[in-house]
């Protein structure tokens, strides 16, 4: 094979890869992940574990992954406007989450403002349903991303990692309440 043919094959393969990648990335511009866990405890106890941001270190999957993370609660904890600020991985992770809506014993809505390692503004919505086996906590996670960011999320399997991290958080929530 001559040099031009090799370059042509590489160029075609690269265009095909990028085309397929951006096609897949287009599906990741709006990510919605829903996870659930059933916790044995009172509805008040489970609800308060989420509503009061001072409790988040007890079930934060991010703090479990980075125990040296610095955090601070600002505002009146357990009310709309309260914020949980974090600074982790030696300054490489930075942001905060803020309570934006509360329906006592039923719902907590939060939005995040992530500044590092990337910029994003995901939302978390928690609902609490009493059942025969305990309180079922449902977490709805949503994030929108530009196409280029979505390409890299596809490339590195970020949606699966997000889902795994969210489930780990709910599992830690269960452990925190039940222990």
N, C-alpha and C. Protein backbone atom coordinates (compact mmCIF):
# COMPACT_ATOMS: atom_id res chain seq x y z
N UNK A 1 0.83 -1.18 0.00
CA UNK A 1 0.00 0.00 0.00
C UNK A 1 0.88 1.24 0.00
N UNK A 2 0.39 2.22 -0.71
CA UNK A 2 1.17 3.46 -0.70
C UNK A 2 0.71 4.37 0.44
N UNK A 3 1.46 5.41 0.66
CA UNK A 3 1.25 6.33 1.76
C UNK A 3 -0.11 7.02 1.68
N UNK A 4 -0.53 7.44 0.49
CA UNK A 4 -1.82 8.12 0.32
C UNK A 4 -2.99 7.21 0.68
N UNK A 5 -2.87 5.96 0.32
CA UNK A 5 -3.94 5.01 0.62
C UNK A 5 -4.05 4.80 2.13
N UNK A 6 -2.93 4.69 2.80
CA UNK A 6 -2.92 4.52 4.26
C UNK A 6 -3.55 5.74 4.92
N UNK A 7 -3.18 6.93 4.49
CA UNK A 7 -3.76 8.16 5.04
C UNK A 7 -5.26 8.22 4.77
N UNK A 8 -5.68 7.79 3.60
CA UNK A 8 -7.11 7.79 3.26
C UNK A 8 -7.88 6.84 4.18
N UNK A 9 -7.33 5.67 4.42
CA UNK A 9 -7.98 4.70 5.31
C UNK A 9 -8.07 5.26 6.72
N UNK A 10 -7.00 5.87 7.20
CA UNK A 10 -6.99 6.47 8.54
C UNK A 10 -8.01 7.60 8.62
N UNK A 11 -8.06 8.45 7.58
CA UNK A 11 -9.01 9.56 7.57
C UNK A 11 -10.46 9.06 7.57
N UNK A 12 -10.74 8.04 6.78
CA UNK A 12 -12.09 7.47 6.73
C UNK A 12 -12.46 6.87 8.08
N UNK A 13 -11.53 6.15 8.69
CA UNK A 13 -11.78 5.56 10.00
C UNK A 13 -12.02 6.64 11.06
N UNK A 14 -11.24 7.71 10.99
CA UNK A 14 -11.39 8.81 11.95
C UNK A 14 -12.74 9.50 11.77
N UNK A 15 -13.12 9.76 10.54
CA UNK A 15 -14.42 10.40 10.27
C UNK A 15 -15.56 9.48 10.74
N UNK A 16 -15.44 8.18 10.49
CA UNK A 16 -16.47 7.24 10.92
C UNK A 16 -16.57 7.21 12.45
N UNK A 17 -15.41 7.18 13.12
CA UNK A 17 -15.39 7.18 14.58
C UNK A 17 -16.03 8.45 15.14
N UNK A 18 -15.63 9.60 14.61
CA UNK A 18 -16.19 10.87 15.08
C UNK A 18 -17.69 10.96 14.78
N UNK A 19 -18.09 10.50 13.61
CA UNK A 19 -19.50 10.52 13.26
C UNK A 19 -20.32 9.66 14.21
N UNK A 20 -19.85 8.46 14.46
CA UNK A 20 -20.54 7.57 15.39
C UNK A 20 -20.52 8.15 16.80
N UNK A 21 -19.38 8.70 17.20
CA UNK A 21 -19.24 9.28 18.54
C UNK A 21 -20.19 10.44 18.75
N UNK A 22 -20.29 11.34 17.78
CA UNK A 22 -21.20 12.47 17.93
C UNK A 22 -22.66 12.04 17.83
N UNK A 23 -22.93 11.00 17.08
CA UNK A 23 -24.29 10.44 17.04
C UNK A 23 -24.66 9.93 18.44
N UNK A 24 -23.75 9.19 19.08
CA UNK A 24 -24.00 8.68 20.43
C UNK A 24 -24.03 9.83 21.46
N UNK A 25 -23.15 10.81 21.27
CA UNK A 25 -23.08 11.94 22.20
C UNK A 25 -24.36 12.75 22.17
N UNK A 26 -25.01 12.82 21.02
CA UNK A 26 -26.26 13.56 20.91
C UNK A 26 -27.32 13.01 21.86
N UNK A 27 -27.23 11.71 22.16
CA UNK A 27 -28.16 11.08 23.11
C UNK A 27 -27.84 11.47 24.56
N UNK A 28 -26.66 12.04 24.79
CA UNK A 28 -26.23 12.37 26.15
C UNK A 28 -26.31 13.87 26.46
N UNK A 29 -26.87 14.66 25.55
CA UNK A 29 -26.97 16.08 25.85
C UNK A 29 -27.98 16.35 26.97
N UNK A 30 -28.94 15.48 27.14
CA UNK A 30 -29.89 15.55 28.25
C UNK A 30 -29.90 14.19 28.95
N UNK A 31 -29.25 14.13 30.09
CA UNK A 31 -29.15 12.87 30.83
C UNK A 31 -30.14 12.89 31.98
N UNK A 32 -30.88 11.80 32.11
CA UNK A 32 -31.80 11.60 33.23
C UNK A 32 -31.52 10.22 33.80
N UNK A 33 -31.16 10.19 35.07
CA UNK A 33 -30.87 8.92 35.75
C UNK A 33 -31.77 8.85 36.98
N UNK A 34 -32.49 7.76 37.09
CA UNK A 34 -33.37 7.57 38.24
C UNK A 34 -32.90 6.33 39.01
N UNK A 35 -32.71 6.50 40.31
CA UNK A 35 -32.29 5.42 41.19
C UNK A 35 -33.19 5.39 42.41
N UNK A 36 -33.34 4.20 43.00
CA UNK A 36 -34.17 4.09 44.21
C UNK A 36 -33.48 3.20 45.24
N UNK A 37 -33.91 3.39 46.47
CA UNK A 37 -33.48 2.54 47.57
C UNK A 37 -34.61 2.54 48.60
N UNK A 38 -34.80 1.41 49.27
CA UNK A 38 -35.79 1.33 50.34
C UNK A 38 -35.04 1.27 51.66
N UNK A 39 -35.41 2.17 52.56
CA UNK A 39 -34.72 2.35 53.83
C UNK A 39 -35.66 1.99 54.97
N UNK A 40 -35.16 1.20 55.91
CA UNK A 40 -35.94 0.88 57.11
C UNK A 40 -35.70 1.99 58.13
N UNK A 41 -36.73 2.79 58.31
CA UNK A 41 -36.66 3.91 59.23
C UNK A 41 -37.95 4.69 59.10
N UNK A 42 -38.12 5.66 59.98
CA UNK A 42 -39.33 6.48 59.88
C UNK A 42 -39.20 7.44 58.70
N UNK A 43 -40.34 7.88 58.19
CA UNK A 43 -40.32 8.80 57.06
C UNK A 43 -39.60 10.10 57.47
N UNK A 44 -39.81 10.55 58.68
CA UNK A 44 -39.15 11.77 59.17
C UNK A 44 -37.63 11.59 59.22
N UNK A 45 -37.20 10.46 59.73
CA UNK A 45 -35.76 10.18 59.86
C UNK A 45 -35.09 10.13 58.49
N UNK A 46 -35.71 9.46 57.53
CA UNK A 46 -35.14 9.34 56.19
C UNK A 46 -35.17 10.70 55.50
N UNK A 47 -36.30 11.39 55.61
CA UNK A 47 -36.44 12.70 54.98
C UNK A 47 -35.41 13.68 55.53
N UNK A 48 -35.24 13.70 56.85
CA UNK A 48 -34.29 14.63 57.47
C UNK A 48 -32.85 14.33 57.07
N UNK A 49 -32.53 13.07 56.79
CA UNK A 49 -31.17 12.73 56.37
C UNK A 49 -30.84 13.44 55.05
N UNK A 50 -31.83 13.65 54.21
CA UNK A 50 -31.62 14.34 52.93
C UNK A 50 -31.81 15.84 53.09
N UNK A 51 -32.84 16.24 53.79
CA UNK A 51 -33.20 17.67 53.92
C UNK A 51 -32.10 18.48 54.61
N UNK A 52 -31.50 17.92 55.65
CA UNK A 52 -30.47 18.65 56.38
C UNK A 52 -29.10 18.35 55.77
N UNK A 53 -28.52 19.37 55.15
CA UNK A 53 -27.26 19.19 54.44
C UNK A 53 -26.11 18.83 55.37
N UNK A 54 -26.22 19.14 56.66
CA UNK A 54 -25.19 18.73 57.62
C UNK A 54 -25.08 17.20 57.68
N UNK A 55 -26.13 16.50 57.24
CA UNK A 55 -26.12 15.03 57.21
C UNK A 55 -25.45 14.47 55.97
N UNK A 56 -25.27 15.29 54.93
CA UNK A 56 -24.77 14.78 53.66
C UNK A 56 -23.42 14.06 53.79
N UNK A 57 -22.50 14.51 54.62
CA UNK A 57 -21.24 13.76 54.75
C UNK A 57 -21.43 12.31 55.18
N UNK A 58 -22.55 11.99 55.84
CA UNK A 58 -22.81 10.62 56.27
C UNK A 58 -23.15 9.71 55.10
N UNK A 59 -23.59 10.29 53.98
CA UNK A 59 -24.00 9.44 52.85
C UNK A 59 -23.49 9.94 51.49
N UNK A 60 -22.55 10.86 51.52
CA UNK A 60 -22.00 11.40 50.28
C UNK A 60 -21.05 10.40 49.61
N UNK A 61 -21.36 9.97 48.39
CA UNK A 61 -20.43 9.08 47.69
C UNK A 61 -19.15 9.81 47.30
N UNK A 62 -19.21 11.12 47.17
CA UNK A 62 -18.04 11.91 46.79
C UNK A 62 -17.08 12.03 47.96
N UNK A 63 -17.61 12.21 49.16
CA UNK A 63 -16.76 12.26 50.35
C UNK A 63 -16.17 10.88 50.64
N UNK A 64 -16.94 9.84 50.36
CA UNK A 64 -16.41 8.48 50.54
C UNK A 64 -15.22 8.24 49.60
N UNK A 65 -15.30 8.80 48.39
CA UNK A 65 -14.22 8.64 47.41
C UNK A 65 -13.05 9.58 47.69
N UNK A 66 -13.31 10.69 48.37
CA UNK A 66 -12.28 11.69 48.68
C UNK A 66 -12.45 12.15 50.13
N UNK A 67 -11.97 11.32 51.10
CA UNK A 67 -12.18 11.65 52.52
C UNK A 67 -11.53 12.97 52.95
N UNK A 68 -10.59 13.49 52.18
CA UNK A 68 -9.95 14.76 52.51
C UNK A 68 -10.72 15.97 52.02
N UNK A 69 -11.86 15.74 51.41
CA UNK A 69 -12.67 16.84 50.87
C UNK A 69 -13.08 17.80 51.99
N UNK A 70 -12.99 19.10 51.70
CA UNK A 70 -13.45 20.12 52.64
C UNK A 70 -14.89 20.47 52.25
N UNK A 71 -15.73 20.70 53.26
CA UNK A 71 -17.11 21.05 52.97
C UNK A 71 -17.63 22.00 54.04
N UNK A 72 -18.69 22.73 53.67
CA UNK A 72 -19.28 23.71 54.56
C UNK A 72 -20.75 23.89 54.17
N UNK A 73 -21.61 23.98 55.17
CA UNK A 73 -23.02 24.28 54.94
C UNK A 73 -23.20 25.78 55.17
N UNK A 74 -23.84 26.45 54.20
CA UNK A 74 -24.11 27.88 54.31
C UNK A 74 -25.61 28.11 54.29
N UNK A 75 -26.05 29.13 54.99
CA UNK A 75 -27.48 29.43 55.08
C UNK A 75 -28.10 28.66 56.23
N UNK A 76 -29.42 28.68 56.28
CA UNK A 76 -30.15 27.97 57.33
C UNK A 76 -30.40 26.55 56.86
N UNK A 77 -29.69 25.61 57.49
CA UNK A 77 -29.76 24.21 57.06
C UNK A 77 -31.20 23.70 57.13
N UNK A 78 -31.57 22.90 56.13
CA UNK A 78 -32.89 22.30 56.10
C UNK A 78 -33.96 23.20 55.53
N UNK A 79 -33.55 24.35 54.95
CA UNK A 79 -34.51 25.27 54.36
C UNK A 79 -34.11 25.58 52.92
N UNK A 80 -35.08 26.07 52.16
CA UNK A 80 -34.78 26.50 50.79
C UNK A 80 -33.71 27.59 50.85
N UNK A 81 -32.70 27.44 50.02
CA UNK A 81 -31.58 28.39 49.99
C UNK A 81 -30.34 27.89 50.69
N UNK A 82 -30.46 26.86 51.54
CA UNK A 82 -29.29 26.30 52.20
C UNK A 82 -28.38 25.67 51.16
N UNK A 83 -27.07 25.81 51.36
CA UNK A 83 -26.09 25.31 50.39
C UNK A 83 -25.03 24.45 51.07
N UNK A 84 -24.62 23.42 50.34
CA UNK A 84 -23.52 22.54 50.76
C UNK A 84 -22.38 22.79 49.77
N UNK A 85 -21.31 23.41 50.23
CA UNK A 85 -20.15 23.72 49.38
C UNK A 85 -19.07 22.67 49.59
N UNK A 86 -18.39 22.29 48.51
CA UNK A 86 -17.30 21.33 48.62
C UNK A 86 -16.09 21.80 47.83
N UNK A 87 -14.92 21.35 48.31
CA UNK A 87 -13.64 21.61 47.66
C UNK A 87 -12.82 20.35 47.90
N UNK A 88 -12.61 19.57 46.84
CA UNK A 88 -11.94 18.29 47.01
C UNK A 88 -10.83 18.03 46.02
N UNK A 89 -10.20 16.89 46.19
CA UNK A 89 -9.10 16.45 45.33
C UNK A 89 -8.05 17.54 45.15
N UNK A 90 -7.65 18.14 46.26
CA UNK A 90 -6.61 19.16 46.22
C UNK A 90 -7.00 20.37 45.38
N UNK A 91 -8.27 20.77 45.43
CA UNK A 91 -8.73 21.94 44.68
C UNK A 91 -9.21 21.63 43.27
N UNK A 92 -9.18 20.36 42.89
CA UNK A 92 -9.60 19.98 41.53
C UNK A 92 -11.11 19.79 41.40
N UNK A 93 -11.82 19.62 42.54
CA UNK A 93 -13.28 19.50 42.55
C UNK A 93 -13.82 20.66 43.36
N UNK A 94 -14.72 21.43 42.76
CA UNK A 94 -15.23 22.61 43.43
C UNK A 94 -16.67 22.86 43.00
N UNK A 95 -17.53 23.15 43.98
CA UNK A 95 -18.91 23.47 43.65
C UNK A 95 -19.79 23.50 44.88
N UNK A 96 -21.09 23.59 44.63
CA UNK A 96 -22.05 23.55 45.72
C UNK A 96 -23.37 23.02 45.22
N UNK A 97 -24.18 22.54 46.17
CA UNK A 97 -25.56 22.17 45.87
C UNK A 97 -26.44 23.00 46.79
N UNK A 98 -27.60 23.35 46.27
CA UNK A 98 -28.52 24.23 46.99
C UNK A 98 -29.92 23.64 47.01
N UNK A 99 -30.56 23.69 48.16
CA UNK A 99 -31.95 23.26 48.26
C UNK A 99 -32.82 24.33 47.59
N UNK A 100 -33.64 23.90 46.62
CA UNK A 100 -34.49 24.85 45.90
C UNK A 100 -35.97 24.64 46.18
N UNK A 101 -36.35 23.46 46.70
CA UNK A 101 -37.76 23.22 47.01
C UNK A 101 -37.87 22.11 48.04
N UNK A 102 -38.81 22.28 48.96
CA UNK A 102 -39.08 21.27 49.98
C UNK A 102 -40.59 21.11 50.09
N UNK A 103 -41.04 19.86 50.05
CA UNK A 103 -42.42 19.51 50.40
C UNK A 103 -42.26 18.52 51.56
N UNK A 104 -42.47 19.00 52.77
CA UNK A 104 -42.16 18.25 53.99
C UNK A 104 -42.61 16.79 53.92
N UNK A 105 -41.65 15.91 54.18
CA UNK A 105 -41.79 14.46 54.21
C UNK A 105 -41.97 13.81 52.82
N UNK A 106 -42.11 14.61 51.78
CA UNK A 106 -42.37 14.05 50.45
C UNK A 106 -41.33 14.35 49.39
N UNK A 107 -40.68 15.51 49.45
CA UNK A 107 -39.85 15.94 48.31
C UNK A 107 -38.77 16.92 48.75
N UNK A 108 -37.57 16.75 48.20
CA UNK A 108 -36.49 17.73 48.32
C UNK A 108 -35.89 17.90 46.93
N UNK A 109 -35.86 19.14 46.46
CA UNK A 109 -35.24 19.44 45.18
C UNK A 109 -33.97 20.24 45.39
N UNK A 110 -32.92 19.85 44.67
CA UNK A 110 -31.62 20.53 44.77
C UNK A 110 -31.07 20.79 43.39
N UNK A 111 -30.32 21.88 43.29
CA UNK A 111 -29.57 22.12 42.06
C UNK A 111 -28.11 22.27 42.46
N UNK A 112 -27.26 21.83 41.58
CA UNK A 112 -25.81 21.92 41.82
C UNK A 112 -25.19 22.93 40.89
N UNK A 113 -24.13 23.50 41.35
CA UNK A 113 -23.31 24.38 40.53
C UNK A 113 -21.89 23.85 40.64
N UNK A 114 -21.50 23.07 39.65
CA UNK A 114 -20.15 22.47 39.64
C UNK A 114 -19.24 23.37 38.81
N UNK A 115 -18.12 23.79 39.41
CA UNK A 115 -17.17 24.64 38.71
C UNK A 115 -15.93 23.87 38.25
N UNK A 116 -15.54 22.85 39.00
CA UNK A 116 -14.38 22.02 38.65
C UNK A 116 -14.72 20.58 38.94
N UNK A 117 -14.27 19.61 38.23
CA UNK A 117 -13.29 19.62 37.13
C UNK A 117 -13.91 20.02 35.79
N UNK A 118 -15.22 20.23 35.76
CA UNK A 118 -15.92 20.67 34.57
C UNK A 118 -17.05 21.57 35.05
N UNK A 119 -17.67 22.28 34.15
CA UNK A 119 -18.78 23.15 34.51
C UNK A 119 -20.08 22.43 34.18
N UNK A 120 -20.96 22.33 35.17
CA UNK A 120 -22.26 21.68 34.97
C UNK A 120 -23.23 22.19 36.03
N UNK A 121 -24.51 22.07 35.73
CA UNK A 121 -25.56 22.48 36.66
C UNK A 121 -26.64 21.41 36.74
N UNK A 122 -26.28 20.24 37.29
CA UNK A 122 -27.28 19.17 37.41
C UNK A 122 -28.30 19.46 38.51
N UNK A 123 -29.41 18.73 38.45
CA UNK A 123 -30.42 18.81 39.50
C UNK A 123 -30.63 17.42 40.10
N UNK A 124 -30.99 17.42 41.36
CA UNK A 124 -31.35 16.20 42.08
C UNK A 124 -32.72 16.43 42.69
N UNK A 125 -33.62 15.48 42.47
CA UNK A 125 -34.93 15.53 43.10
C UNK A 125 -35.11 14.23 43.87
N UNK A 126 -35.48 14.36 45.14
CA UNK A 126 -35.69 13.20 45.99
C UNK A 126 -37.16 13.14 46.38
N UNK A 127 -37.78 11.97 46.19
CA UNK A 127 -39.14 11.74 46.66
C UNK A 127 -39.10 10.60 47.67
N UNK A 128 -40.04 10.63 48.61
CA UNK A 128 -40.07 9.70 49.73
C UNK A 128 -41.46 9.08 49.81
N UNK A 129 -41.54 7.77 49.64
CA UNK A 129 -42.82 7.07 49.66
C UNK A 129 -42.79 5.98 50.72
N UNK A 130 -43.80 6.00 51.59
CA UNK A 130 -43.89 5.00 52.65
C UNK A 130 -44.51 3.73 52.08
N UNK A 131 -43.85 2.60 52.35
CA UNK A 131 -44.36 1.30 51.90
C UNK A 131 -44.26 0.28 53.02
N UNK A 132 -44.65 -0.94 52.70
CA UNK A 132 -44.65 -2.01 53.69
C UNK A 132 -43.24 -2.35 54.19
N UNK A 133 -42.22 -2.16 53.33
CA UNK A 133 -40.86 -2.54 53.69
C UNK A 133 -40.00 -1.37 54.14
N UNK A 134 -40.59 -0.18 54.22
CA UNK A 134 -39.83 0.99 54.64
C UNK A 134 -40.14 2.18 53.76
N UNK A 135 -39.23 3.12 53.74
CA UNK A 135 -39.38 4.34 52.96
C UNK A 135 -38.58 4.18 51.66
N UNK A 136 -39.28 4.28 50.54
CA UNK A 136 -38.59 4.21 49.26
C UNK A 136 -38.19 5.63 48.85
N UNK A 137 -36.89 5.81 48.69
CA UNK A 137 -36.34 7.09 48.26
C UNK A 137 -36.03 6.96 46.77
N UNK A 138 -36.60 7.85 45.99
CA UNK A 138 -36.31 7.89 44.56
C UNK A 138 -35.53 9.15 44.27
N UNK A 139 -34.40 8.98 43.59
CA UNK A 139 -33.57 10.11 43.21
C UNK A 139 -33.64 10.28 41.70
N UNK A 140 -34.06 11.45 41.27
CA UNK A 140 -34.05 11.81 39.85
C UNK A 140 -32.91 12.79 39.63
N UNK A 141 -31.97 12.40 38.81
CA UNK A 141 -30.81 13.23 38.48
C UNK A 141 -30.94 13.66 37.03
N UNK A 142 -30.76 14.95 36.79
CA UNK A 142 -30.83 15.46 35.41
C UNK A 142 -29.69 16.44 35.18
N UNK A 143 -29.11 16.36 33.98
CA UNK A 143 -28.07 17.31 33.60
C UNK A 143 -28.11 17.49 32.09
N UNK A 144 -27.89 18.71 31.66
CA UNK A 144 -27.79 19.03 30.24
C UNK A 144 -26.34 19.39 29.95
N UNK A 145 -25.87 18.96 28.78
CA UNK A 145 -24.48 19.21 28.40
C UNK A 145 -24.41 19.59 26.93
N UNK A 146 -23.46 20.46 26.59
CA UNK A 146 -23.24 20.75 25.17
C UNK A 146 -22.74 19.49 24.44
N UNK A 147 -22.88 19.47 23.14
CA UNK A 147 -22.55 18.29 22.35
C UNK A 147 -21.09 17.85 22.52
N UNK A 148 -20.17 18.79 22.54
CA UNK A 148 -18.75 18.42 22.67
C UNK A 148 -18.50 17.77 24.03
N UNK A 149 -19.07 18.35 25.10
CA UNK A 149 -18.93 17.73 26.42
C UNK A 149 -19.56 16.34 26.43
N UNK A 150 -20.70 16.22 25.77
CA UNK A 150 -21.39 14.93 25.70
C UNK A 150 -20.55 13.89 24.95
N UNK A 151 -19.80 14.34 23.94
CA UNK A 151 -18.91 13.43 23.22
C UNK A 151 -17.89 12.81 24.18
N UNK A 152 -17.29 13.65 25.02
CA UNK A 152 -16.30 13.13 25.96
C UNK A 152 -16.95 12.28 27.04
N UNK A 153 -18.18 12.62 27.44
CA UNK A 153 -18.89 11.77 28.39
C UNK A 153 -19.14 10.40 27.77
N UNK A 154 -19.51 10.36 26.49
CA UNK A 154 -19.70 9.08 25.79
C UNK A 154 -18.38 8.33 25.72
N UNK A 155 -17.33 9.04 25.33
CA UNK A 155 -16.03 8.42 25.14
C UNK A 155 -15.53 7.75 26.42
N UNK A 156 -15.78 8.38 27.56
CA UNK A 156 -15.26 7.86 28.83
C UNK A 156 -16.31 7.15 29.68
N UNK A 157 -17.50 6.92 29.13
CA UNK A 157 -18.53 6.17 29.85
C UNK A 157 -19.05 6.89 31.08
N UNK A 158 -19.16 8.21 31.01
CA UNK A 158 -19.53 8.99 32.18
C UNK A 158 -20.95 8.73 32.67
N UNK A 159 -21.88 8.42 31.78
CA UNK A 159 -23.26 8.20 32.24
C UNK A 159 -23.33 7.00 33.18
N UNK A 160 -22.63 5.94 32.85
CA UNK A 160 -22.61 4.76 33.73
C UNK A 160 -21.97 5.12 35.07
N UNK A 161 -20.87 5.87 35.02
CA UNK A 161 -20.22 6.28 36.26
C UNK A 161 -21.13 7.14 37.12
N UNK A 162 -21.90 8.04 36.46
CA UNK A 162 -22.84 8.88 37.21
C UNK A 162 -23.90 8.01 37.87
N UNK A 163 -24.44 7.07 37.13
CA UNK A 163 -25.45 6.17 37.69
C UNK A 163 -24.91 5.35 38.85
N UNK A 164 -23.70 4.84 38.70
CA UNK A 164 -23.09 4.07 39.78
C UNK A 164 -22.86 4.93 41.02
N UNK A 165 -22.40 6.16 40.81
CA UNK A 165 -22.14 7.07 41.93
C UNK A 165 -23.45 7.44 42.63
N UNK A 166 -24.49 7.69 41.85
CA UNK A 166 -25.79 8.02 42.46
C UNK A 166 -26.33 6.86 43.27
N UNK A 167 -26.20 5.63 42.75
CA UNK A 167 -26.67 4.47 43.50
C UNK A 167 -25.84 4.26 44.76
N UNK A 168 -24.55 4.51 44.67
CA UNK A 168 -23.69 4.38 45.85
C UNK A 168 -24.15 5.36 46.93
N UNK A 169 -24.51 6.59 46.53
CA UNK A 169 -24.99 7.57 47.49
C UNK A 169 -26.26 7.10 48.19
N UNK A 170 -27.19 6.55 47.40
CA UNK A 170 -28.43 6.04 48.01
C UNK A 170 -28.17 4.86 48.93
N UNK A 171 -27.24 4.00 48.54
CA UNK A 171 -26.87 2.87 49.41
C UNK A 171 -26.26 3.36 50.72
N UNK A 172 -25.44 4.42 50.63
CA UNK A 172 -24.86 5.01 51.84
C UNK A 172 -25.93 5.68 52.69
N UNK A 173 -26.93 6.28 52.04
CA UNK A 173 -28.06 6.86 52.76
C UNK A 173 -28.77 5.78 53.58
N UNK A 174 -29.02 4.65 52.95
CA UNK A 174 -29.67 3.52 53.62
C UNK A 174 -28.84 3.11 54.86
N UNK A 175 -27.54 2.94 54.65
CA UNK A 175 -26.66 2.54 55.75
C UNK A 175 -26.66 3.58 56.87
N UNK A 176 -26.61 4.86 56.50
CA UNK A 176 -26.57 5.93 57.51
C UNK A 176 -27.84 5.92 58.37
N UNK A 177 -28.98 5.70 57.77
CA UNK A 177 -30.22 5.70 58.53
C UNK A 177 -30.37 4.41 59.35
N UNK A 178 -30.04 3.29 58.75
CA UNK A 178 -30.29 2.01 59.41
C UNK A 178 -29.28 1.64 60.47
N UNK A 179 -28.13 2.31 60.49
CA UNK A 179 -27.12 1.93 61.50
C UNK A 179 -27.23 2.73 62.76
